[in-house]
Amino acid sequence: MSLKIRLSRAGAKKQAAYRLVVADTRSPRDGRFIEKVGTYNPRVPHDHKERLVVKEDRIKHWISVGALPTDRVARLFSKIGLAQAPTVNEQTKKDKPRAKAQERLKAAEEAAKAAAEAAASGEAQA
């Protein structure tokens, strides 16, 4: 059985609050869980004491048993010192322009360099 520490949505429509639960990965997001280990309320200010309430001893127990926090939960835990923040891999192809656009950008840069060199040599001669 693969366990996750994850957020389970609670609260009214457009007024989300979340429970931190330990659940089997195959169970639905808001469905069956093993144990409730805390709460998270994103609607209160960041420095408010009720924004993130956790049972640290139970979380440490479940992590020692093999439960893995989701990325979002790991980021929350990193703010209170229970886990390391997950690394974000920003090396994707989708964040760059396509090949022809990159060629046009390179050509424009080369033209700008040539113009700058020509202007610099023109000033040096004058």
Protein backbone atom coordinates (compact mmCIF):
# COMPACT_ATOMS: atom_id res chain seq x y z
CA MET A 1 0.00 0.00 0.00
CA SER A 2 1.45 3.32 -1.11
CA LEU A 3 0.75 6.20 1.29
CA LYS A 4 0.68 9.93 0.64
CA ILE A 5 0.35 12.91 2.95
CA ARG A 6 -1.89 15.19 0.93
CA LEU A 7 -4.52 17.90 1.03
CA SER A 8 -8.20 17.02 1.14
CA ARG A 9 -10.55 19.86 0.26
CA ALA A 10 -13.18 21.03 2.72
CA GLY A 11 -15.17 24.21 3.15
CA ALA A 12 -17.85 25.88 1.08
CA LYS A 13 -17.88 26.87 -2.56
CA LYS A 14 -15.15 29.47 -3.25
CA GLN A 15 -14.14 29.31 0.44
CA ALA A 16 -11.68 26.45 0.39
CA ALA A 17 -10.06 25.01 3.47
CA TYR A 18 -8.02 21.84 3.46
CA ARG A 19 -7.32 18.90 5.75
CA LEU A 20 -3.86 17.35 5.79
CA VAL A 21 -4.53 13.63 5.61
CA VAL A 22 -2.60 10.41 5.25
CA ALA A 23 -4.30 8.39 2.52
CA ASP A 24 -3.75 5.55 0.13
CA THR A 25 -2.75 6.90 -3.27
CA ARG A 26 -5.62 5.05 -4.94
CA SER A 27 -8.35 6.69 -2.86
CA PRO A 28 -10.09 9.85 -4.14
CA ARG A 29 -8.90 13.32 -3.15
CA ASP A 30 -11.77 14.01 -0.75
CA GLY A 31 -12.53 10.37 -0.06
CA ARG A 32 -11.29 7.76 2.32
CA PHE A 33 -8.22 8.54 4.43
CA ILE A 34 -6.31 6.82 7.21
CA GLU A 35 -5.63 9.70 9.58
CA LYS A 36 -6.11 13.46 9.73
CA VAL A 37 -2.79 15.07 10.66
CA GLY A 38 -3.56 18.77 10.32
CA THR A 39 -5.37 21.60 8.57
CA TYR A 40 -4.47 24.30 6.07
CA ASN A 41 -6.51 27.45 5.52
CA PRO A 42 -5.16 29.55 2.62
CA ARG A 43 -7.70 32.34 3.21
CA VAL A 44 -6.06 33.67 6.38
CA PRO A 45 -2.88 35.83 6.36
CA HIS A 46 0.51 34.12 6.04
CA ASP A 47 1.58 34.97 9.58
CA HIS A 48 -1.67 33.79 11.20
CA LYS A 49 -1.28 30.81 13.55
CA GLU A 50 -4.29 28.96 12.09
CA ARG A 51 -3.05 29.02 8.48
CA LEU A 52 -1.19 25.73 8.94
CA VAL A 53 -1.91 23.56 11.97
CA VAL A 54 -0.11 20.19 12.09
CA LYS A 55 0.44 17.26 14.43
CA GLU A 56 4.23 17.09 14.05
CA ASP A 57 4.72 13.82 15.92
CA ARG A 58 2.13 12.01 13.75
CA ILE A 59 3.61 13.45 10.55
CA LYS A 60 7.10 12.30 11.56
CA HIS A 61 5.67 8.87 12.36
CA TRP A 62 3.98 8.52 8.96
CA ILE A 63 7.07 9.73 7.12
CA SER A 64 9.16 7.17 9.00
CA VAL A 65 6.67 4.46 8.01
CA GLY A 66 7.06 5.45 4.35
CA ALA A 67 4.35 7.99 3.56
CA LEU A 68 5.46 10.59 1.03
CA PRO A 69 4.16 14.16 1.06
CA THR A 70 2.86 15.57 -2.20
CA ASP A 71 4.77 18.49 -3.72
CA ARG A 72 2.37 21.09 -2.33
CA VAL A 73 2.43 19.54 1.15
CA ALA A 74 6.23 19.28 1.05
CA ARG A 75 6.38 23.02 0.30
CA LEU A 76 4.12 23.69 3.30
CA PHE A 77 6.23 21.42 5.50
CA SER A 78 9.43 23.16 4.38
CA LYS A 79 8.10 26.45 5.77
CA ILE A 80 7.81 24.94 9.25
CA GLY A 81 10.96 22.80 9.00
CA LEU A 82 9.47 19.31 8.68
CA ALA A 83 10.81 18.54 5.20
CA GLN A 84 12.97 19.94 2.46
CA ALA A 85 11.33 21.97 -0.28
CA PRO A 86 10.97 19.99 -3.51
CA THR A 87 13.24 21.03 -6.34
CA VAL A 88 11.56 22.62 -9.31
CA ASN A 89 12.95 21.65 -12.70
CA GLU A 90 12.56 24.65 -14.99
CA GLN A 91 14.53 23.16 -17.88
CA THR A 92 11.75 22.51 -20.36
CA LYS A 93 11.36 23.12 -24.06
CA LYS A 94 8.00 24.78 -23.59
CA ASP A 95 9.43 27.86 -21.88
CA LYS A 96 11.46 28.77 -24.99
CA PRO A 97 10.33 30.03 -28.41
CA ARG A 98 10.17 27.58 -31.28
CA ALA A 99 13.10 26.98 -33.67
CA LYS A 100 12.26 29.58 -36.33
CA ALA A 101 11.62 32.25 -33.71
CA GLN A 102 14.98 31.44 -32.09
CA GLU A 103 16.69 31.78 -35.49
CA ARG A 104 15.04 35.19 -36.00
CA LEU A 105 16.17 36.31 -32.54
CA LYS A 106 19.75 35.21 -33.26
CA ALA A 107 19.71 37.05 -36.60
CA ALA A 108 18.38 40.18 -34.91
CA GLU A 109 21.09 39.97 -32.22
CA GLU A 110 23.81 39.54 -34.86
CA ALA A 111 22.45 42.51 -36.81
CA ALA A 112 22.42 44.62 -33.65
CA LYS A 113 26.03 43.60 -32.87
CA ALA A 114 27.13 44.44 -36.42
CA ALA A 115 25.40 47.82 -36.20
CA ALA A 116 27.05 48.52 -32.84
CA GLU A 117 30.47 47.56 -34.21
CA ALA A 118 29.95 49.72 -37.28
CA ALA A 119 28.94 52.65 -35.11
CA ALA A 120 31.96 52.11 -32.82
CA SER A 121 34.38 51.91 -35.76
CA GLY A 122 32.76 54.99 -37.32
CA GLU A 123 33.30 56.95 -34.11
CA ALA A 124 36.86 55.71 -33.86
CA GLN A 125 37.63 56.94 -37.40
CA ALA A 126 36.04 60.33 -36.78
